[in-house]
Each structure stands twice: as structure tokens, then as C-alpha cells.
Amino acid sequence: QVQLVESGGGLVQAGGSMTLSCVASGRTFGSYSMGWFRQAPGKEREFVAAISWNRSTYYADSMKGRFAISRDNAKNTVYLQMSSLKLEDTALYYCAASYRLQQPVLSDGNAYDYWGQGTQVTVSS
């Protein structure tokens, strides 16, 4: 069982930056692929970014160049650095994990086994 706890959300102005963190329980974090997803009110959950257990990274097209995912296995933590934030980035951001998940399903939320509770990101004008 893996427990995930996100943090770092809050209110930010459009054009600003924010870094989200997700801390995982357990001693085998390095064997898990990690993903970030988000869900805005009234919308479906969407893929944001993923980093595989062997550190390959993947992004949704609309996030490329603005978001960066990274991991620190010594700290059992995955990060999502967000910059040039837009109003439409407002959403509840979730961290997800799955053991040795590989492409082409890293962007598929249904492929992940564990989810955090989410952290709210609100971008204001």
C-alpha cells in the first residue's frame, strides 16, 4: 500500500509560478512511476505530467514548456514545477502512483493504483 500526500497548492496570480510536492509512503518509491493529474470543476480529470520509475518524463501538450516534473527518490517525493500559470490551470491537482508503469499508459489515470487527496491550485487574474 502506498499513501500519497500532496502539498504546495494555493492562490497565485496569472503568470506566476508554483511548485507542488507529493510525498509517498513506503520504501520502494524508486520503483513507482508517478503522475500528476488535475480536475477543474465541471470538467473531467486530465493528465498533466508523469515521470517513470526510470526517470523518463512525459507531459500533456498544453503543459510542455511551462510545467516540469521531477522526483527525489531519497525523499520519496515527486515535484511539479509550474510556471507561466494561466487562469485555466485552476484545478484540484492529484498525485498518482503505479508500480513500474510504462508508456503508453503513463497518461492514463485508470492505469494508476494509488492516489492522493489532491491540492487546490487557484490562478487569479
N, C-alpha and C. Protein backbone atom coordinates (compact mmCIF):
# COMPACT_ATOMS: atom_id res chain seq x y z
N GLN A 1 0.84 -1.19 0.00
CA GLN A 1 0.00 0.00 0.00
C GLN A 1 0.88 1.24 0.00
N VAL A 2 0.53 2.19 -0.84
CA VAL A 2 1.25 3.45 -0.93
C VAL A 2 0.29 4.58 -0.59
N GLN A 3 0.72 5.44 0.28
CA GLN A 3 -0.08 6.63 0.59
C GLN A 3 0.62 7.85 0.03
N LEU A 4 -0.16 8.72 -0.58
CA LEU A 4 0.37 9.91 -1.23
C LEU A 4 -0.24 11.15 -0.60
N VAL A 5 0.61 12.12 -0.32
CA VAL A 5 0.14 13.37 0.26
C VAL A 5 0.70 14.53 -0.54
N GLU A 6 -0.20 15.29 -1.15
CA GLU A 6 0.20 16.45 -1.94
C GLU A 6 0.24 17.70 -1.07
N SER A 7 1.06 18.64 -1.48
CA SER A 7 1.11 19.93 -0.82
C SER A 7 1.63 20.96 -1.81
N GLY A 8 1.53 22.21 -1.41
CA GLY A 8 2.09 23.29 -2.21
C GLY A 8 1.08 24.09 -3.01
N GLY A 9 -0.17 23.67 -2.97
CA GLY A 9 -1.18 24.42 -3.70
C GLY A 9 -1.53 25.72 -3.00
N GLY A 10 -2.36 26.51 -3.66
CA GLY A 10 -2.76 27.78 -3.09
C GLY A 10 -3.21 28.73 -4.16
N LEU A 11 -3.17 30.00 -3.84
CA LEU A 11 -3.59 31.06 -4.75
C LEU A 11 -2.38 31.72 -5.37
N VAL A 12 -2.40 31.88 -6.68
CA VAL A 12 -1.29 32.51 -7.39
C VAL A 12 -1.85 33.37 -8.51
N GLN A 13 -1.17 34.44 -8.82
CA GLN A 13 -1.62 35.30 -9.91
C GLN A 13 -1.23 34.70 -11.26
N ALA A 14 -2.00 35.02 -12.24
CA ALA A 14 -1.69 34.58 -13.59
C ALA A 14 -0.30 35.05 -13.98
N GLY A 15 0.44 34.16 -14.60
CA GLY A 15 1.81 34.45 -14.97
C GLY A 15 2.82 34.04 -13.91
N GLY A 16 2.33 33.70 -12.74
CA GLY A 16 3.20 33.32 -11.64
C GLY A 16 3.61 31.86 -11.69
N SER A 17 4.31 31.46 -10.64
CA SER A 17 4.83 30.10 -10.56
C SER A 17 4.44 29.45 -9.24
N MET A 18 4.48 28.15 -9.24
CA MET A 18 4.13 27.39 -8.04
C MET A 18 4.73 26.00 -8.19
N THR A 19 5.16 25.44 -7.07
CA THR A 19 5.68 24.06 -7.08
C THR A 19 4.86 23.19 -6.16
N LEU A 20 4.35 22.13 -6.69
CA LEU A 20 3.61 21.14 -5.91
C LEU A 20 4.54 20.00 -5.53
N SER A 21 4.28 19.42 -4.37
CA SER A 21 5.04 18.26 -3.90
C SER A 21 4.09 17.14 -3.57
N CYS A 22 4.58 15.95 -3.73
CA CYS A 22 3.80 14.76 -3.36
C CYS A 22 4.76 13.80 -2.67
N VAL A 23 4.47 13.52 -1.42
CA VAL A 23 5.30 12.61 -0.64
C VAL A 23 4.61 11.26 -0.55
N ALA A 24 5.37 10.22 -0.82
CA ALA A 24 4.84 8.86 -0.80
C ALA A 24 5.37 8.08 0.38
N SER A 25 4.52 7.23 0.92
CA SER A 25 4.96 6.34 1.98
C SER A 25 5.61 5.12 1.35
N GLY A 26 6.33 4.36 2.15
CA GLY A 26 6.90 3.11 1.65
C GLY A 26 8.37 3.22 1.32
N ARG A 27 9.00 2.07 1.16
CA ARG A 27 10.44 2.02 0.95
C ARG A 27 10.83 1.68 -0.49
N THR A 28 9.84 1.58 -1.36
CA THR A 28 10.13 1.22 -2.75
C THR A 28 9.70 2.30 -3.71
N PHE A 29 9.76 3.55 -3.26
CA PHE A 29 9.30 4.67 -4.08
C PHE A 29 9.98 4.68 -5.43
N GLY A 30 11.26 4.35 -5.46
CA GLY A 30 12.02 4.40 -6.71
C GLY A 30 11.51 3.44 -7.77
N SER A 31 10.69 2.50 -7.40
CA SER A 31 10.14 1.53 -8.35
C SER A 31 8.77 1.95 -8.88
N TYR A 32 8.29 3.08 -8.44
CA TYR A 32 6.97 3.54 -8.85
C TYR A 32 7.06 4.66 -9.88
N SER A 33 6.23 4.56 -10.88
CA SER A 33 6.04 5.68 -11.79
C SER A 33 5.00 6.61 -11.17
N MET A 34 5.22 7.90 -11.34
CA MET A 34 4.39 8.90 -10.69
C MET A 34 3.76 9.81 -11.72
N GLY A 35 2.53 10.18 -11.47
CA GLY A 35 1.84 11.08 -12.38
C GLY A 35 1.15 12.20 -11.64
N TRP A 36 0.98 13.30 -12.34
CA TRP A 36 0.16 14.41 -11.85
C TRP A 36 -1.03 14.54 -12.79
N PHE A 37 -2.19 14.66 -12.18
CA PHE A 37 -3.43 14.87 -12.91
C PHE A 37 -4.14 16.06 -12.28
N ARG A 38 -5.12 16.60 -12.99
CA ARG A 38 -5.88 17.68 -12.40
C ARG A 38 -7.34 17.58 -12.83
N GLN A 39 -8.18 18.19 -12.03
CA GLN A 39 -9.60 18.22 -12.35
C GLN A 39 -10.17 19.56 -11.94
N ALA A 40 -10.71 20.25 -12.92
CA ALA A 40 -11.37 21.52 -12.68
C ALA A 40 -12.86 21.27 -12.47
N PRO A 41 -13.54 22.17 -11.79
CA PRO A 41 -14.98 21.99 -11.55
C PRO A 41 -15.74 21.82 -12.85
N GLY A 42 -16.57 20.78 -12.90
CA GLY A 42 -17.37 20.54 -14.08
C GLY A 42 -16.64 19.91 -15.25
N LYS A 43 -15.37 19.60 -15.04
CA LYS A 43 -14.58 19.00 -16.12
C LYS A 43 -14.07 17.63 -15.72
N GLU A 44 -13.67 16.87 -16.71
CA GLU A 44 -13.10 15.56 -16.43
C GLU A 44 -11.65 15.71 -15.96
N ARG A 45 -11.21 14.69 -15.28
CA ARG A 45 -9.81 14.65 -14.88
C ARG A 45 -8.92 14.59 -16.12
N GLU A 46 -7.82 15.33 -16.07
CA GLU A 46 -6.91 15.32 -17.21
C GLU A 46 -5.48 15.10 -16.76
N PHE A 47 -4.73 14.49 -17.63
CA PHE A 47 -3.32 14.23 -17.40
C PHE A 47 -2.52 15.51 -17.48
N VAL A 48 -1.57 15.65 -16.57
CA VAL A 48 -0.68 16.82 -16.57
C VAL A 48 0.74 16.41 -16.95
N ALA A 49 1.31 15.51 -16.17
CA ALA A 49 2.70 15.09 -16.39
C ALA A 49 2.95 13.78 -15.67
N ALA A 50 3.97 13.07 -16.11
CA ALA A 50 4.35 11.83 -15.45
C ALA A 50 5.86 11.65 -15.53
N ILE A 51 6.37 10.94 -14.54
CA ILE A 51 7.78 10.57 -14.55
C ILE A 51 7.83 9.08 -14.22
N SER A 52 8.47 8.33 -15.09
CA SER A 52 8.50 6.90 -14.90
C SER A 52 9.49 6.52 -13.79
N TRP A 53 9.43 5.27 -13.40
CA TRP A 53 10.33 4.78 -12.36
C TRP A 53 11.79 4.93 -12.78
N ASN A 54 12.05 4.91 -14.11
CA ASN A 54 13.42 5.09 -14.61
C ASN A 54 13.65 6.51 -15.13
N ARG A 55 12.80 7.46 -14.64
CA ARG A 55 13.01 8.89 -14.82
C ARG A 55 12.72 9.47 -16.20
N SER A 56 12.04 8.73 -17.04
CA SER A 56 11.56 9.36 -18.27
C SER A 56 10.38 10.25 -17.93
N THR A 57 10.29 11.38 -18.61
CA THR A 57 9.23 12.33 -18.31
C THR A 57 8.30 12.52 -19.51
N TYR A 58 7.04 12.80 -19.19
CA TYR A 58 6.02 12.98 -20.23
C TYR A 58 5.09 14.09 -19.79
N TYR A 59 4.60 14.86 -20.76
CA TYR A 59 3.75 15.99 -20.46
C TYR A 59 2.56 16.04 -21.40
N ALA A 60 1.46 16.57 -20.88
CA ALA A 60 0.36 16.92 -21.76
C ALA A 60 0.82 18.07 -22.64
N ASP A 61 0.33 18.12 -23.84
CA ASP A 61 0.81 19.12 -24.79
C ASP A 61 0.68 20.54 -24.25
N SER A 62 -0.42 20.82 -23.57
CA SER A 62 -0.65 22.19 -23.11
C SER A 62 0.26 22.58 -21.94
N MET A 63 0.96 21.61 -21.36
CA MET A 63 1.85 21.88 -20.24
C MET A 63 3.32 21.94 -20.65
N LYS A 64 3.61 21.46 -21.84
CA LYS A 64 5.02 21.44 -22.26
C LYS A 64 5.60 22.84 -22.28
N GLY A 65 6.77 22.96 -21.71
CA GLY A 65 7.43 24.25 -21.65
C GLY A 65 7.04 25.10 -20.47
N ARG A 66 5.94 24.76 -19.81
CA ARG A 66 5.50 25.53 -18.64
C ARG A 66 5.64 24.73 -17.35
N PHE A 67 5.44 23.43 -17.44
CA PHE A 67 5.49 22.56 -16.25
C PHE A 67 6.70 21.64 -16.33
N ALA A 68 7.22 21.29 -15.17
CA ALA A 68 8.33 20.35 -15.12
C ALA A 68 8.12 19.39 -13.96
N ILE A 69 8.22 18.11 -14.25
CA ILE A 69 8.07 17.09 -13.22
C ILE A 69 9.45 16.53 -12.89
N SER A 70 9.65 16.25 -11.62
CA SER A 70 10.92 15.68 -11.19
C SER A 70 10.67 14.82 -9.95
N ARG A 71 11.65 14.04 -9.60
CA ARG A 71 11.50 13.20 -8.42
C ARG A 71 12.80 13.15 -7.63
N ASP A 72 12.65 12.97 -6.33
CA ASP A 72 13.78 12.78 -5.44
C ASP A 72 13.50 11.49 -4.68
N ASN A 73 14.11 10.42 -5.12
CA ASN A 73 13.83 9.13 -4.53
C ASN A 73 14.29 9.04 -3.08
N ALA A 74 15.33 9.79 -2.73
CA ALA A 74 15.80 9.78 -1.35
C ALA A 74 14.77 10.39 -0.41
N LYS A 75 13.93 11.25 -0.94
CA LYS A 75 12.90 11.91 -0.13
C LYS A 75 11.50 11.36 -0.41
N ASN A 76 11.42 10.34 -1.24
CA ASN A 76 10.11 9.77 -1.60
C ASN A 76 9.16 10.85 -2.11
N THR A 77 9.68 11.75 -2.90
CA THR A 77 8.90 12.91 -3.30
C THR A 77 8.95 13.13 -4.80
N VAL A 78 7.81 13.49 -5.35
CA VAL A 78 7.74 13.93 -6.74
C VAL A 78 7.25 15.38 -6.73
N TYR A 79 7.81 16.16 -7.64
CA TYR A 79 7.51 17.58 -7.70
C TYR A 79 6.86 17.93 -9.04
N LEU A 80 6.07 18.99 -9.01
CA LEU A 80 5.56 19.56 -10.25
C LEU A 80 5.80 21.06 -10.17
N GLN A 81 6.77 21.52 -10.95
CA GLN A 81 7.06 22.94 -11.03
C GLN A 81 6.21 23.54 -12.14
N MET A 82 5.43 24.54 -11.79
CA MET A 82 4.52 25.15 -12.74
C MET A 82 4.89 26.62 -12.90
N SER A 83 4.98 27.07 -14.11
CA SER A 83 5.30 28.46 -14.38
C SER A 83 4.36 28.99 -15.45
N SER A 84 4.39 30.31 -15.62
CA SER A 84 3.50 30.97 -16.59
C SER A 84 2.07 30.48 -16.42
N LEU A 85 1.64 30.46 -15.19
CA LEU A 85 0.32 29.90 -14.89
C LEU A 85 -0.79 30.73 -15.51
N LYS A 86 -1.82 30.03 -15.97
CA LYS A 86 -2.95 30.66 -16.62
C LYS A 86 -4.21 30.41 -15.79
N LEU A 87 -5.22 31.21 -16.05
CA LEU A 87 -6.48 31.04 -15.33
C LEU A 87 -7.00 29.60 -15.49
N GLU A 88 -6.81 29.05 -16.67
CA GLU A 88 -7.33 27.71 -16.94
C GLU A 88 -6.53 26.60 -16.27
N ASP A 89 -5.46 26.95 -15.58
CA ASP A 89 -4.72 25.95 -14.80
C ASP A 89 -5.35 25.74 -13.43
N THR A 90 -6.35 26.53 -13.10
CA THR A 90 -7.06 26.37 -11.83
C THR A 90 -7.73 25.01 -11.78
N ALA A 91 -7.40 24.25 -10.75
CA ALA A 91 -7.92 22.89 -10.64
C ALA A 91 -7.44 22.27 -9.33
N LEU A 92 -8.01 21.12 -9.03
CA LEU A 92 -7.50 20.28 -7.95
C LEU A 92 -6.46 19.35 -8.57
N TYR A 93 -5.26 19.40 -8.07
CA TYR A 93 -4.16 18.63 -8.63
C TYR A 93 -3.91 17.39 -7.78
N TYR A 94 -3.87 16.26 -8.45
CA TYR A 94 -3.69 14.98 -7.79
C TYR A 94 -2.36 14.34 -8.20
N CYS A 95 -1.77 13.67 -7.26
CA CYS A 95 -0.61 12.85 -7.49
C CYS A 95 -1.06 11.39 -7.53
N ALA A 96 -0.45 10.61 -8.40
CA ALA A 96 -0.82 9.20 -8.52
C ALA A 96 0.44 8.35 -8.69
N ALA A 97 0.34 7.08 -8.32
CA ALA A 97 1.49 6.19 -8.38
C ALA A 97 1.09 4.82 -8.90
N SER A 98 2.00 4.20 -9.60
CA SER A 98 1.79 2.82 -10.03
C SER A 98 3.15 2.15 -10.21
N TYR A 99 3.22 0.90 -9.77
CA TYR A 99 4.49 0.18 -9.78
C TYR A 99 4.97 -0.07 -11.21
N ARG A 100 6.14 0.49 -11.51
CA ARG A 100 6.82 0.30 -12.79
C ARG A 100 5.92 0.49 -14.00
N LEU A 101 5.03 1.45 -13.92
CA LEU A 101 4.17 1.75 -15.05
C LEU A 101 5.01 2.31 -16.19
N GLN A 102 4.67 1.87 -17.41
CA GLN A 102 5.45 2.30 -18.57
C GLN A 102 4.53 2.96 -19.59
N GLN A 103 5.12 3.63 -20.55
CA GLN A 103 4.35 4.08 -21.69
C GLN A 103 3.83 2.85 -22.44
N PRO A 104 2.68 2.97 -23.08
CA PRO A 104 1.98 4.20 -23.41
C PRO A 104 0.86 4.59 -22.45
N VAL A 105 0.86 4.04 -21.23
CA VAL A 105 -0.28 4.29 -20.35
C VAL A 105 0.02 5.29 -19.23
N LEU A 106 1.18 5.93 -19.28
CA LEU A 106 1.52 6.87 -18.20
C LEU A 106 0.55 8.04 -18.15
N SER A 107 -0.11 8.35 -19.23
CA SER A 107 -1.06 9.45 -19.24
C SER A 107 -2.49 9.00 -18.94
N ASP A 108 -2.67 7.72 -18.67
CA ASP A 108 -3.99 7.16 -18.42
C ASP A 108 -4.22 7.03 -16.92
N GLY A 109 -5.09 7.84 -16.39
CA GLY A 109 -5.35 7.80 -14.96
C GLY A 109 -5.84 6.44 -14.48
N ASN A 110 -6.52 5.72 -15.32
CA ASN A 110 -7.03 4.41 -14.94
C ASN A 110 -5.93 3.39 -14.71
N ALA A 111 -4.72 3.70 -15.17
CA ALA A 111 -3.60 2.77 -15.01
C ALA A 111 -2.90 2.93 -13.66
N TYR A 112 -3.26 3.95 -12.91
CA TYR A 112 -2.59 4.20 -11.63
C TYR A 112 -3.35 3.53 -10.49
N ASP A 113 -2.60 3.03 -9.53
CA ASP A 113 -3.20 2.28 -8.43
C ASP A 113 -3.44 3.12 -7.18
N TYR A 114 -2.66 4.14 -7.00
CA TYR A 114 -2.73 4.92 -5.76
C TYR A 114 -2.87 6.40 -6.09
N TRP A 115 -3.69 7.06 -5.28
CA TRP A 115 -3.98 8.47 -5.49
C TRP A 115 -3.92 9.24 -4.18
N GLY A 116 -3.46 10.48 -4.28
CA GLY A 116 -3.53 11.35 -3.14
C GLY A 116 -4.88 12.04 -3.07
N GLN A 117 -5.03 12.89 -2.07
CA GLN A 117 -6.30 13.59 -1.86
C GLN A 117 -6.40 14.87 -2.70
N GLY A 118 -5.29 15.32 -3.21
CA GLY A 118 -5.31 16.49 -4.07
C GLY A 118 -4.94 17.77 -3.33
N THR A 119 -4.43 18.72 -4.09
CA THR A 119 -4.13 20.04 -3.56
C THR A 119 -4.67 21.07 -4.55
N GLN A 120 -5.36 22.06 -4.03
CA GLN A 120 -6.04 23.04 -4.89
C GLN A 120 -5.07 24.10 -5.37
N VAL A 121 -5.11 24.35 -6.66
CA VAL A 121 -4.37 25.45 -7.26
C VAL A 121 -5.38 26.41 -7.87
N THR A 122 -5.32 27.66 -7.45
CA THR A 122 -6.22 28.66 -7.98
C THR A 122 -5.39 29.80 -8.56
N VAL A 123 -5.61 30.05 -9.84
CA VAL A 123 -4.89 31.11 -10.54
C VAL A 123 -5.85 32.29 -10.71
N SER A 124 -5.44 33.44 -10.23
CA SER A 124 -6.29 34.62 -10.29
C SER A 124 -5.75 35.63 -11.31
N SER A 125 -6.64 36.46 -11.77
CA SER A 125 -6.24 37.48 -12.77
C SER A 125 -5.73 38.74 -12.10
